[in-house]
Amino acid sequence: MQRASIKQSQQAVQQSIDFQQSMSDAIVDSLDSTESAQQRGVEMSQTLVHSYLDAVESSMPGSSAAVEELRSALDEQVEFLIENHSESFDTFEDEWAEGTQAFDDLSGDWVSAIDDQVDLLIEAHEEVEDQSVEAVEEMSSQVENLQDQLEEVQEQVKEVQEEAVDVVEE
């Protein structure tokens, strides 16, 4: 029962580490869709501002140069934002992957060490159990020998008593 409990604890540790690795993988997998969604949001905002500028340009004659300047500045800022955004996500993903790899390596070593310790513990437990069984069997054998000797002594005492009774009766 103790060995089963130890094995279950070992399995729980392994499942916990597997869960953490799965969560880390899910985060990395979600980064691409998050980055894409955020980039689409920036591009949509750019399109909305372009539509607004088109409306301003069409409703205000002579504003073409100013609107074009705003449009150009907006496009430069959006391009800069998207470039930085992409670089930030790439850096974050690279750092996360390195951290995840380091965690995987460390947890792999840790699980291996735990497995080794559990194996040693179970072996020691089995040895103690074997020694306990041997000790109980030896003690049982000694008790049986002692009982046999006691029965012999009782038989001898009985014989001596019978002889004494016979002597007294004669």
Protein backbone atom coordinates (compact mmCIF):
# COMPACT_ATOMS: atom_id res chain seq x y z
CA MET A 1 0.00 0.00 0.00
CA GLN A 2 2.87 2.37 0.83
CA ARG A 3 4.61 1.56 -2.45
CA ALA A 4 1.38 2.19 -4.37
CA SER A 5 1.03 5.55 -2.63
CA ILE A 6 4.62 6.45 -3.54
CA LYS A 7 4.02 5.49 -7.17
CA GLN A 8 0.80 7.54 -7.28
CA SER A 9 2.65 10.57 -5.91
CA GLN A 10 5.32 10.09 -8.54
CA GLN A 11 2.67 9.93 -11.27
CA ALA A 12 1.00 13.08 -9.90
CA VAL A 13 4.30 14.97 -10.13
CA GLN A 14 4.77 13.79 -13.72
CA GLN A 15 1.22 14.78 -14.66
CA SER A 16 1.71 18.20 -13.10
CA ILE A 17 4.85 18.79 -15.15
CA ASP A 18 3.14 17.50 -18.30
CA PHE A 19 0.27 19.93 -17.64
CA GLN A 20 2.68 22.84 -17.24
CA GLN A 21 4.41 21.92 -20.48
CA SER A 22 1.05 21.70 -22.27
CA MET A 23 0.06 25.11 -20.95
CA SER A 24 3.36 26.59 -22.12
CA ASP A 25 2.86 25.08 -25.57
CA ALA A 26 -0.69 26.48 -25.68
CA ILE A 27 0.62 29.95 -24.85
CA VAL A 28 3.18 29.77 -27.65
CA ASP A 29 0.50 28.51 -30.04
CA SER A 30 -1.82 31.36 -29.08
CA LEU A 31 0.85 34.02 -29.68
CA ASP A 32 0.53 33.81 -33.46
CA SER A 33 -3.23 34.29 -33.42
CA THR A 34 -2.95 37.09 -30.84
CA GLU A 35 -0.32 38.87 -32.92
CA SER A 36 -2.42 38.45 -36.06
CA ALA A 37 -5.57 39.74 -34.36
CA GLN A 38 -3.77 42.78 -32.98
CA GLN A 39 -2.21 43.54 -36.37
CA ARG A 40 -5.64 43.30 -38.04
CA GLY A 41 -6.96 45.71 -35.41
CA VAL A 42 -4.21 48.23 -36.24
CA GLU A 43 -4.84 47.82 -39.98
CA MET A 44 -8.58 48.26 -39.45
CA SER A 45 -7.92 51.46 -37.50
CA GLN A 46 -5.72 52.63 -40.36
CA THR A 47 -8.49 51.91 -42.85
CA LEU A 48 -11.02 53.80 -40.71
CA VAL A 49 -8.75 56.83 -40.46
CA HIS A 50 -8.16 56.68 -44.24
CA SER A 51 -11.94 56.63 -44.78
CA TYR A 52 -12.29 59.61 -42.44
CA LEU A 53 -9.53 61.47 -44.29
CA ASP A 54 -11.23 60.65 -47.61
CA ALA A 55 -14.44 62.16 -46.25
CA VAL A 56 -12.60 65.26 -45.02
CA GLU A 57 -10.81 65.64 -48.35
CA SER A 58 -14.02 65.35 -50.35
CA SER A 59 -15.94 67.75 -48.13
CA MET A 60 -13.22 70.39 -47.91
CA PRO A 61 -11.91 71.58 -51.25
CA GLY A 62 -8.24 72.52 -51.22
CA SER A 63 -7.37 70.23 -48.31
CA SER A 64 -5.81 67.56 -50.48
CA ALA A 65 -2.22 68.44 -49.64
CA ALA A 66 -2.86 68.58 -45.88
CA VAL A 67 -4.90 65.36 -45.95
CA GLU A 68 -2.23 63.64 -48.03
CA GLU A 69 0.39 64.75 -45.51
CA LEU A 70 -1.72 63.36 -42.65
CA ARG A 71 -2.32 60.15 -44.59
CA SER A 72 1.42 59.76 -45.23
CA ALA A 73 2.28 60.43 -41.56
CA LEU A 74 -0.40 57.96 -40.46
CA ASP A 75 0.92 55.29 -42.84
CA GLU A 76 4.48 55.80 -41.59
CA GLN A 77 3.35 55.50 -37.96
CA VAL A 78 1.25 52.41 -38.68
CA GLU A 79 4.14 50.81 -40.58
CA PHE A 80 6.47 51.61 -37.64
CA LEU A 81 3.92 50.25 -35.16
CA ILE A 82 3.38 47.01 -37.12
CA GLU A 83 7.13 46.50 -37.50
CA ASN A 84 7.77 47.06 -33.78
CA HIS A 85 4.74 44.98 -32.91
CA SER A 86 6.04 42.08 -35.00
CA GLU A 87 9.54 42.39 -33.55
CA SER A 88 8.12 42.49 -30.02
CA PHE A 89 6.11 39.33 -30.58
CA ASP A 90 9.09 37.58 -32.19
CA THR A 91 11.30 38.55 -29.24
CA PHE A 92 8.66 37.48 -26.73
CA GLU A 93 8.12 34.18 -28.55
CA ASP A 94 11.88 33.51 -28.73
CA GLU A 95 12.32 34.32 -25.02
CA TRP A 96 9.30 32.22 -24.10
CA ALA A 97 10.61 29.31 -26.17
CA GLU A 98 14.03 29.57 -24.48
CA GLY A 99 12.40 29.74 -21.06
CA THR A 100 10.17 26.81 -21.91
CA GLN A 101 13.15 24.79 -23.12
CA ALA A 102 15.07 25.61 -19.94
CA PHE A 103 12.03 24.59 -17.87
CA ASP A 104 11.66 21.37 -19.88
CA ASP A 105 15.34 20.55 -19.37
CA LEU A 106 15.22 21.35 -15.67
CA SER A 107 11.95 19.54 -15.06
CA GLY A 108 13.22 16.55 -17.06
CA ASP A 109 16.30 16.39 -14.85
CA TRP A 110 14.16 16.87 -11.76
CA VAL A 111 11.71 14.12 -12.76
CA SER A 112 14.61 11.81 -13.56
CA ALA A 113 16.10 12.47 -10.12
CA ILE A 114 12.73 11.88 -8.47
CA ASP A 115 12.29 8.65 -10.43
CA ASP A 116 15.72 7.47 -9.29
CA GLN A 117 14.94 8.37 -5.67
CA VAL A 118 11.54 6.66 -5.82
CA ASP A 119 13.13 3.54 -7.28
CA LEU A 120 15.70 3.52 -4.46
CA LEU A 121 12.96 4.11 -1.89
CA ILE A 122 10.87 1.26 -3.25
CA GLU A 123 13.89 -1.06 -3.31
CA ALA A 124 14.72 -0.12 0.28
CA HIS A 125 11.08 -0.61 1.26
CA GLU A 126 11.06 -4.06 -0.35
CA GLU A 127 14.29 -4.97 1.44
CA VAL A 128 12.87 -3.86 4.79
CA GLU A 129 9.72 -5.86 4.07
CA ASP A 130 11.79 -8.95 3.19
CA GLN A 131 13.90 -8.53 6.34
CA SER A 132 10.76 -8.08 8.43
CA VAL A 133 9.21 -11.23 6.98
CA GLU A 134 12.45 -13.15 7.63
CA ALA A 135 12.62 -11.82 11.20
CA VAL A 136 8.99 -12.80 11.86
CA GLU A 137 9.57 -16.25 10.37
CA GLU A 138 12.73 -16.69 12.47
CA MET A 139 10.91 -15.53 15.59
CA SER A 140 8.04 -17.88 14.81
CA SER A 141 10.50 -20.74 14.41
CA GLN A 142 12.16 -19.84 17.72
CA VAL A 143 8.77 -19.70 19.46
CA GLU A 144 7.92 -23.14 18.07
CA ASN A 145 11.28 -24.50 19.30
CA LEU A 146 10.67 -22.93 22.68
CA GLN A 147 7.20 -24.48 22.82
CA ASP A 148 8.65 -27.88 21.90
CA GLN A 149 11.28 -27.52 24.66
CA LEU A 150 8.62 -26.42 27.11
CA GLU A 151 6.49 -29.44 26.25
CA GLU A 152 9.53 -31.71 26.76
CA VAL A 153 10.22 -30.13 30.15
CA GLN A 154 6.55 -30.50 31.08
CA GLU A 155 6.67 -34.14 30.01
CA GLN A 156 9.82 -34.68 32.09
CA VAL A 157 8.21 -32.96 35.09
CA LYS A 158 5.14 -35.14 34.67
CA GLU A 159 7.29 -38.28 34.53
CA VAL A 160 9.23 -37.20 37.63
CA GLN A 161 5.96 -36.51 39.44
CA GLU A 162 4.58 -39.90 38.45
CA GLU A 163 7.76 -41.59 39.66
CA ALA A 164 7.57 -39.65 42.92
CA VAL A 165 3.95 -40.71 43.38
CA ASP A 166 4.90 -44.31 42.66
CA VAL A 167 7.75 -44.13 45.17
CA VAL A 168 5.50 -42.60 47.80
CA GLU A 169 2.82 -45.22 47.25
CA GLU A 170 5.21 -48.09 47.57
